Amino acid sequence: MENKEGPISVPLAQRIAADCANAAAYVVLEAASKEPEPPLGLLCESFKAAYRLKLGAAIPGSRVVTTCAPSTKPVIFGELIP
């Protein structure tokens, strides 16, 4: 695996991606805790945009894929509460 600056190990790329995802989630969810609560779709789009920016700054040339894997099952939020 490599970026515009040269080779990068998979474990390092995974670590950086996880750190960037955590930072993006923190920014988006902090804003979401204020009233009125934003719709989930807007939060998702905000997260993807924030993640794309943070990951692009950390690993030049990186991409954020926004499609779900076929094996991913959607979560319906009304079903989370027993």
PDB file of N, CA and C in Angstrom:
ATOM      1  N   MET A   1       0.853  -1.157   0.000  1.00  0.00           N
ATOM      2  CA  MET A   1       0.000   0.000   0.000  1.00  0.00           C
ATOM      3  C   MET A   1       0.904   1.228   0.000  1.00  0.00           C
ATOM      4  N   GLU A   2       0.517   2.227  -0.773  1.00  0.00           N
ATOM      5  CA  GLU A   2       1.301   3.453  -0.759  1.00  0.00           C
ATOM      6  C   GLU A   2       0.404   4.650  -1.021  1.00  0.00           C
ATOM      7  N   ASN A   3       0.911   5.805  -0.655  1.00  0.00           N
ATOM      8  CA  ASN A   3       0.213   7.054  -0.931  1.00  0.00           C
ATOM      9  C   ASN A   3       1.115   7.907  -1.812  1.00  0.00           C
ATOM     10  N   LYS A   4       0.794   9.173  -1.937  1.00  0.00           N
ATOM     11  CA  LYS A   4       1.577  10.057  -2.804  1.00  0.00           C
ATOM     12  C   LYS A   4       3.009  10.238  -2.316  1.00  0.00           C
ATOM     13  N   GLU A   5       3.242   9.989  -1.036  1.00  0.00           N
ATOM     14  CA  GLU A   5       4.577  10.168  -0.460  1.00  0.00           C
ATOM     15  C   GLU A   5       5.396   8.886  -0.450  1.00  0.00           C
ATOM     16  N   GLY A   6       4.796   7.757  -0.841  1.00  0.00           N
ATOM     17  CA  GLY A   6       5.524   6.498  -0.878  1.00  0.00           C
ATOM     18  C   GLY A   6       4.825   5.399  -0.104  1.00  0.00           C
ATOM     19  N   PRO A   7       5.541   4.298   0.160  1.00  0.00           N
ATOM     20  CA  PRO A   7       4.945   3.142   0.840  1.00  0.00           C
ATOM     21  C   PRO A   7       4.467   3.470   2.261  1.00  0.00           C
ATOM     22  N   ILE A   8       3.399   2.797   2.651  1.00  0.00           N
ATOM     23  CA  ILE A   8       2.872   2.910   4.013  1.00  0.00           C
ATOM     24  C   ILE A   8       2.371   1.521   4.404  1.00  0.00           C
ATOM     25  N   SER A   9       2.688   1.088   5.605  1.00  0.00           N
ATOM     26  CA  SER A   9       2.287  -0.256   6.031  1.00  0.00           C
ATOM     27  C   SER A   9       0.789  -0.293   6.317  1.00  0.00           C
ATOM     28  N   VAL A  10       0.211  -1.475   6.152  1.00  0.00           N
ATOM     29  CA  VAL A  10      -1.219  -1.642   6.424  1.00  0.00           C
ATOM     30  C   VAL A  10      -1.539  -1.326   7.885  1.00  0.00           C
ATOM     31  N   PRO A  11      -0.766  -1.838   8.866  1.00  0.00           N
ATOM     32  CA  PRO A  11      -1.082  -1.501  10.258  1.00  0.00           C
ATOM     33  C   PRO A  11      -1.029   0.005  10.540  1.00  0.00           C
ATOM     34  N   LEU A  12      -0.060   0.692   9.953  1.00  0.00           N
ATOM     35  CA  LEU A  12       0.016   2.137  10.158  1.00  0.00           C
ATOM     36  C   LEU A  12      -1.174   2.835   9.515  1.00  0.00           C
ATOM     37  N   ALA A  13      -1.538   2.431   8.304  1.00  0.00           N
ATOM     38  CA  ALA A  13      -2.693   3.025   7.632  1.00  0.00           C
ATOM     39  C   ALA A  13      -3.968   2.779   8.437  1.00  0.00           C
ATOM     40  N   GLN A  14      -4.120   1.580   8.989  1.00  0.00           N
ATOM     41  CA  GLN A  14      -5.293   1.266   9.805  1.00  0.00           C
ATOM     42  C   GLN A  14      -5.334   2.128  11.063  1.00  0.00           C
ATOM     43  N   ARG A  15      -4.192   2.312  11.698  1.00  0.00           N
ATOM     44  CA  ARG A  15      -4.117   3.117  12.926  1.00  0.00           C
ATOM     45  C   ARG A  15      -4.477   4.573  12.636  1.00  0.00           C
ATOM     46  N   ILE A  16      -3.910   5.110  11.567  1.00  0.00           N
ATOM     47  CA  ILE A  16      -4.192   6.496  11.199  1.00  0.00           C
ATOM     48  C   ILE A  16      -5.666   6.653  10.830  1.00  0.00           C
ATOM     49  N   ALA A  17      -6.204   5.698  10.068  1.00  0.00           N
ATOM     50  CA  ALA A  17      -7.614   5.758   9.675  1.00  0.00           C
ATOM     51  C   ALA A  17      -8.525   5.712  10.898  1.00  0.00           C
ATOM     52  N   ALA A  18      -8.193   4.859  11.868  1.00  0.00           N
ATOM     53  CA  ALA A  18      -8.998   4.774  13.089  1.00  0.00           C
ATOM     54  C   ALA A  18      -8.934   6.072  13.886  1.00  0.00           C
ATOM     55  N   ASP A  19      -7.741   6.643  14.005  1.00  0.00           N
ATOM     56  CA  ASP A  19      -7.603   7.917  14.721  1.00  0.00           C
ATOM     57  C   ASP A  19      -8.395   9.028  14.035  1.00  0.00           C
ATOM     58  N   CYS A  20      -8.341   9.060  12.712  1.00  0.00           N
ATOM     59  CA  CYS A  20      -9.082  10.083  11.966  1.00  0.00           C
ATOM     60  C   CYS A  20     -10.591   9.878  12.103  1.00  0.00           C
ATOM     61  N   ALA A  21     -11.041   8.623  12.086  1.00  0.00           N
ATOM     62  CA  ALA A  21     -12.466   8.335  12.260  1.00  0.00           C
ATOM     63  C   ALA A  21     -12.932   8.761  13.647  1.00  0.00           C
ATOM     64  N   ASN A  22     -12.134   8.479  14.667  1.00  0.00           N
ATOM     65  CA  ASN A  22     -12.494   8.900  16.027  1.00  0.00           C
ATOM     66  C   ASN A  22     -12.581  10.416  16.133  1.00  0.00           C
ATOM     67  N   ALA A  23     -11.623  11.108  15.542  1.00  0.00           N
ATOM     68  CA  ALA A  23     -11.622  12.570  15.592  1.00  0.00           C
ATOM     69  C   ALA A  23     -12.823  13.142  14.846  1.00  0.00           C
ATOM     70  N   ALA A  24     -13.143  12.576  13.686  1.00  0.00           N
ATOM     71  CA  ALA A  24     -14.298  13.044  12.918  1.00  0.00           C
ATOM     72  C   ALA A  24     -15.597  12.777  13.674  1.00  0.00           C
ATOM     73  N   ALA A  25     -15.704  11.605  14.278  1.00  0.00           N
ATOM     74  CA  ALA A  25     -16.909  11.282  15.047  1.00  0.00           C
ATOM     75  C   ALA A  25     -17.068  12.227  16.230  1.00  0.00           C
ATOM     76  N   TYR A  26     -15.982  12.537  16.901  1.00  0.00           N
ATOM     77  CA  TYR A  26     -16.043  13.449  18.043  1.00  0.00           C
ATOM     78  C   TYR A  26     -16.581  14.810  17.618  1.00  0.00           C
ATOM     79  N   VAL A  27     -16.061  15.343  16.515  1.00  0.00           N
ATOM     80  CA  VAL A  27     -16.496  16.656  16.030  1.00  0.00           C
ATOM     81  C   VAL A  27     -17.981  16.633  15.679  1.00  0.00           C
ATOM     82  N   VAL A  28     -18.400  15.610  14.946  1.00  0.00           N
ATOM     83  CA  VAL A  28     -19.786  15.534  14.481  1.00  0.00           C
ATOM     84  C   VAL A  28     -20.742  15.265  15.636  1.00  0.00           C
ATOM     85  N   LEU A  29     -20.397  14.334  16.513  1.00  0.00           N
ATOM     86  CA  LEU A  29     -21.307  13.992  17.609  1.00  0.00           C
ATOM     87  C   LEU A  29     -21.368  15.084  18.663  1.00  0.00           C
ATOM     88  N   GLU A  30     -20.291  15.844  18.826  1.00  0.00           N
ATOM     89  CA  GLU A  30     -20.330  16.975  19.751  1.00  0.00           C
ATOM     90  C   GLU A  30     -21.354  17.998  19.269  1.00  0.00           C
ATOM     91  N   ALA A  31     -21.363  18.272  17.981  1.00  0.00           N
ATOM     92  CA  ALA A  31     -22.335  19.210  17.418  1.00  0.00           C
ATOM     93  C   ALA A  31     -23.746  18.628  17.478  1.00  0.00           C
ATOM     94  N   ALA A  32     -23.867  17.302  17.380  1.00  0.00           N
ATOM     95  CA  ALA A  32     -25.176  16.654  17.388  1.00  0.00           C
ATOM     96  C   ALA A  32     -25.820  16.662  18.763  1.00  0.00           C
ATOM     97  N   SER A  33     -25.040  16.893  19.803  1.00  0.00           N
ATOM     98  CA  SER A  33     -25.593  16.860  21.158  1.00  0.00           C
ATOM     99  C   SER A  33     -26.362  18.128  21.501  1.00  0.00           C
ATOM    100  N   LYS A  34     -26.336  19.094  20.614  1.00  0.00           N
ATOM    101  CA  LYS A  34     -27.043  20.350  20.854  1.00  0.00           C
ATOM    102  C   LYS A  34     -28.458  20.262  20.290  1.00  0.00           C
ATOM    103  N   GLU A  35     -29.367  21.007  20.861  1.00  0.00           N
ATOM    104  CA  GLU A  35     -30.750  21.038  20.375  1.00  0.00           C
ATOM    105  C   GLU A  35     -30.864  22.004  19.214  1.00  0.00           C
ATOM    106  N   PRO A  36     -31.717  21.801  18.260  1.00  0.00           N
ATOM    107  CA  PRO A  36     -32.481  20.571  18.033  1.00  0.00           C
ATOM    108  C   PRO A  36     -31.572  19.482  17.465  1.00  0.00           C
ATOM    109  N   GLU A  37     -31.928  18.255  17.748  1.00  0.00           N
ATOM    110  CA  GLU A  37     -31.130  17.116  17.307  1.00  0.00           C
ATOM    111  C   GLU A  37     -31.209  16.983  15.784  1.00  0.00           C
ATOM    112  N   PRO A  38     -30.064  16.960  15.096  1.00  0.00           N
ATOM    113  CA  PRO A  38     -30.093  16.864  13.629  1.00  0.00           C
ATOM    114  C   PRO A  38     -30.499  15.467  13.160  1.00  0.00           C
ATOM    115  N   PRO A  39     -31.061  15.368  11.956  1.00  0.00           N
ATOM    116  CA  PRO A  39     -31.427  14.053  11.409  1.00  0.00           C
ATOM    117  C   PRO A  39     -30.189  13.174  11.219  1.00  0.00           C
ATOM    118  N   LEU A  40     -30.376  11.878  11.337  1.00  0.00           N
ATOM    119  CA  LEU A  40     -29.280  10.919  11.231  1.00  0.00           C
ATOM    120  C   LEU A  40     -28.570  11.012   9.883  1.00  0.00           C
ATOM    121  N   GLY A  41     -29.312  11.227   8.821  1.00  0.00           N
ATOM    122  CA  GLY A  41     -28.702  11.332   7.495  1.00  0.00           C
ATOM    123  C   GLY A  41     -27.721  12.486   7.404  1.00  0.00           C
ATOM    124  N   LEU A  42     -28.067  13.620   8.022  1.00  0.00           N
ATOM    125  CA  LEU A  42     -27.163  14.767   8.027  1.00  0.00           C
ATOM    126  C   LEU A  42     -25.914  14.481   8.849  1.00  0.00           C
ATOM    127  N   LEU A  43     -26.090  13.776   9.956  1.00  0.00           N
ATOM    128  CA  LEU A  43     -24.930  13.397  10.771  1.00  0.00           C
ATOM    129  C   LEU A  43     -23.994  12.479   9.989  1.00  0.00           C
ATOM    130  N   CYS A  44     -24.565  11.549   9.261  1.00  0.00           N
ATOM    131  CA  CYS A  44     -23.766  10.621   8.461  1.00  0.00           C
ATOM    132  C   CYS A  44     -22.968  11.384   7.403  1.00  0.00           C
ATOM    133  N   GLU A  45     -23.619  12.294   6.703  1.00  0.00           N
ATOM    134  CA  GLU A  45     -22.924  13.075   5.679  1.00  0.00           C
ATOM    135  C   GLU A  45     -21.857  13.971   6.303  1.00  0.00           C
ATOM    136  N   SER A  46     -22.156  14.537   7.462  1.00  0.00           N
ATOM    137  CA  SER A  46     -21.175  15.377   8.157  1.00  0.00           C
ATOM    138  C   SER A  46     -19.967  14.557   8.585  1.00  0.00           C
ATOM    139  N   PHE A  47     -20.219  13.328   9.071  1.00  0.00           N
ATOM    140  CA  PHE A  47     -19.112  12.458   9.465  1.00  0.00           C
ATOM    141  C   PHE A  47     -18.233  12.127   8.264  1.00  0.00           C
ATOM    142  N   LYS A  48     -18.854  11.750   7.150  1.00  0.00           N
ATOM    143  CA  LYS A  48     -18.068  11.389   5.967  1.00  0.00           C
ATOM    144  C   LYS A  48     -17.214  12.563   5.492  1.00  0.00           C
ATOM    145  N   ALA A  49     -17.784  13.769   5.520  1.00  0.00           N
ATOM    146  CA  ALA A  49     -17.028  14.952   5.093  1.00  0.00           C
ATOM    147  C   ALA A  49     -15.861  15.226   6.044  1.00  0.00           C
ATOM    148  N   ALA A  50     -16.123  15.150   7.351  1.00  0.00           N
ATOM    149  CA  ALA A  50     -15.069  15.396   8.342  1.00  0.00           C
ATOM    150  C   ALA A  50     -13.988  14.318   8.256  1.00  0.00           C
ATOM    151  N   TYR A  51     -14.395  13.078   8.087  1.00  0.00           N
ATOM    152  CA  TYR A  51     -13.439  11.970   7.977  1.00  0.00           C
ATOM    153  C   TYR A  51     -12.578  12.123   6.725  1.00  0.00           C
ATOM    154  N   ARG A  52     -13.214  12.484   5.616  1.00  0.00           N
ATOM    155  CA  ARG A  52     -12.490  12.680   4.359  1.00  0.00           C
ATOM    156  C   ARG A  52     -11.407  13.753   4.527  1.00  0.00           C
ATOM    157  N   LEU A  53     -11.753  14.858   5.192  1.00  0.00           N
ATOM    158  CA  LEU A  53     -10.789  15.940   5.415  1.00  0.00           C
ATOM    159  C   LEU A  53      -9.632  15.489   6.306  1.00  0.00           C
ATOM    160  N   LYS A  54      -9.963  14.851   7.427  1.00  0.00           N
ATOM    161  CA  LYS A  54      -8.932  14.442   8.382  1.00  0.00           C
ATOM    162  C   LYS A  54      -8.016  13.366   7.801  1.00  0.00           C
ATOM    163  N   LEU A  55      -8.602  12.398   7.119  1.00  0.00           N
ATOM    164  CA  LEU A  55      -7.791  11.327   6.543  1.00  0.00           C
ATOM    165  C   LEU A  55      -6.937  11.854   5.394  1.00  0.00           C
ATOM    166  N   GLY A  56      -7.503  12.745   4.592  1.00  0.00           N
ATOM    167  CA  GLY A  56      -6.743  13.332   3.490  1.00  0.00           C
ATOM    168  C   GLY A  56      -5.560  14.151   3.974  1.00  0.00           C
ATOM    169  N   ALA A  57      -5.725  14.809   5.116  1.00  0.00           N
ATOM    170  CA  ALA A  57      -4.614  15.580   5.688  1.00  0.00           C
ATOM    171  C   ALA A  57      -3.552  14.654   6.281  1.00  0.00           C
ATOM    172  N   ALA A  58      -3.982  13.528   6.852  1.00  0.00           N
ATOM    173  CA  ALA A  58      -3.046  12.599   7.494  1.00  0.00           C
ATOM    174  C   ALA A  58      -2.324  11.709   6.484  1.00  0.00           C
ATOM    175  N   ILE A  59      -3.035  11.259   5.464  1.00  0.00           N
ATOM    176  CA  ILE A  59      -2.463  10.386   4.438  1.00  0.00           C
ATOM    177  C   ILE A  59      -2.819  10.981   3.077  1.00  0.00           C
ATOM    178  N   PRO A  60      -1.941  11.819   2.532  1.00  0.00           N
ATOM    179  CA  PRO A  60      -2.231  12.425   1.226  1.00  0.00           C
ATOM    180  C   PRO A  60      -2.509  11.358   0.162  1.00  0.00           C
ATOM    181  N   GLY A  61      -3.574  11.568  -0.595  1.00  0.00           N
ATOM    182  CA  GLY A  61      -3.941  10.621  -1.643  1.00  0.00           C
ATOM    183  C   GLY A  61      -4.909   9.551  -1.186  1.00  0.00           C
ATOM    184  N   SER A  62      -5.303   9.562   0.090  1.00  0.00           N
ATOM    185  CA  SER A  62      -6.233   8.550   0.589  1.00  0.00           C
ATOM    186  C   SER A  62      -7.640   8.824   0.069  1.00  0.00           C
ATOM    187  N   ARG A  63      -8.465   7.783   0.114  1.00  0.00           N
ATOM    188  CA  ARG A  63      -9.856   7.899  -0.331  1.00  0.00           C
ATOM    189  C   ARG A  63     -10.769   7.353   0.752  1.00  0.00           C
ATOM    190  N   VAL A  64     -11.954   7.935   0.851  1.00  0.00           N
ATOM    191  CA  VAL A  64     -12.978   7.439   1.763  1.00  0.00           C
ATOM    192  C   VAL A  64     -14.094   6.868   0.903  1.00  0.00           C
ATOM    193  N   VAL A  65     -14.291   5.559   0.975  1.00  0.00           N
ATOM    194  CA  VAL A  65     -15.346   4.902   0.212  1.00  0.00           C
ATOM    195  C   VAL A  65     -16.640   5.031   1.004  1.00  0.00           C
ATOM    196  N   THR A  66     -17.690   5.495   0.337  1.00  0.00           N
ATOM    197  CA  THR A  66     -18.933   5.762   1.063  1.00  0.00           C
ATOM    198  C   THR A  66     -20.012   4.722   0.814  1.00  0.00           C
ATOM    199  N   THR A  67     -19.676   3.641   0.140  1.00  0.00           N
ATOM    200  CA  THR A  67     -20.663   2.585  -0.062  1.00  0.00           C
ATOM    201  C   THR A  67     -20.457   1.502   0.988  1.00  0.00           C
ATOM    202  N   CYS A  68     -21.530   0.854   1.354  1.00  0.00           N
ATOM    203  CA  CYS A  68     -21.463  -0.205   2.362  1.00  0.00           C
ATOM    204  C   CYS A  68     -21.121  -1.533   1.703  1.00  0.00           C
ATOM    205  N   ALA A  69     -20.486  -2.385   2.460  1.00  0.00           N
ATOM    206  CA  ALA A  69     -20.204  -3.735   1.986  1.00  0.00           C
ATOM    207  C   ALA A  69     -21.528  -4.487   1.850  1.00  0.00           C
ATOM    208  N   PRO A  70     -21.656  -5.362   0.862  1.00  0.00           N
ATOM    209  CA  PRO A  70     -22.908  -6.104   0.671  1.00  0.00           C
ATOM    210  C   PRO A  70     -23.320  -6.918   1.901  1.00  0.00           C
ATOM    211  N   SER A  71     -22.361  -7.327   2.724  1.00  0.00           N
ATOM    212  CA  SER A  71     -22.684  -8.128   3.911  1.00  0.00           C
ATOM    213  C   SER A  71     -23.187  -7.286   5.080  1.00  0.00           C
ATOM    214  N   THR A  72     -23.123  -5.958   4.956  1.00  0.00           N
ATOM    215  CA  THR A  72     -23.554  -5.078   6.040  1.00  0.00           C
ATOM    216  C   THR A  72     -25.067  -5.076   6.149  1.00  0.00           C
ATOM    217  N   LYS A  73     -25.568  -5.255   7.371  1.00  0.00           N
ATOM    218  CA  LYS A  73     -27.009  -5.221   7.602  1.00  0.00           C
ATOM    219  C   LYS A  73     -27.390  -3.846   8.134  1.00  0.00           C
ATOM    220  N   PRO A  74     -28.424  -3.225   7.565  1.00  0.00           N
ATOM    221  CA  PRO A  74     -28.844  -1.915   8.077  1.00  0.00           C
ATOM    222  C   PRO A  74     -29.436  -2.038   9.476  1.00  0.00           C
ATOM    223  N   VAL A  75     -29.245  -1.006  10.272  1.00  0.00           N
ATOM    224  CA  VAL A  75     -29.805  -0.962  11.622  1.00  0.00           C
ATOM    225  C   VAL A  75     -30.988  -0.010  11.607  1.00  0.00           C
ATOM    226  N   ILE A  76     -32.133  -0.494  12.035  1.00  0.00           N
ATOM    227  CA  ILE A  76     -33.317   0.348  12.158  1.00  0.00           C
ATOM    228  C   ILE A  76     -33.397   0.744  13.622  1.00  0.00           C
ATOM    229  N   PHE A  77     -33.325   2.046  13.895  1.00  0.00           N
ATOM    230  CA  PHE A  77     -33.127   2.505  15.260  1.00  0.00           C
ATOM    231  C   PHE A  77     -34.261   2.168  16.204  1.00  0.00           C
ATOM    232  N   GLY A  78     -35.458   2.037  15.731  1.00  0.00           N
ATOM    233  CA  GLY A  78     -36.550   1.634  16.602  1.00  0.00           C
ATOM    234  C   GLY A  78     -36.375   0.223  17.132  1.00  0.00           C
ATOM    235  N   GLU A  79     -35.562  -0.577  16.455  1.00  0.00           N
ATOM    236  CA  GLU A  79     -35.337  -1.968  16.846  1.00  0.00           C
ATOM    237  C   GLU A  79     -34.207  -2.120  17.859  1.00  0.00           C
ATOM    238  N   LEU A  80     -33.500  -1.035  18.181  1.00  0.00           N
ATOM    239  CA  LEU A  80     -32.403  -1.120  19.138  1.00  0.00           C
ATOM    240  C   LEU A  80     -32.896  -1.223  20.574  1.00  0.00           C
ATOM    241  N   ILE A  81     -34.064  -0.684  20.827  1.00  0.00           N
ATOM    242  CA  ILE A  81     -34.596  -0.665  22.192  1.00  0.00           C
ATOM    243  C   ILE A  81     -35.404  -1.938  22.422  1.00  0.00           C
ATOM    244  N   PRO A  82     -35.014  -2.736  23.423  1.00  0.00           N
ATOM    245  CA  PRO A  82     -35.737  -3.996  23.674  1.00  0.00           C
ATOM    246  C   PRO A  82     -37.124  -3.759  24.233  1.00  0.00           C
TER     247      PRO A  82
END
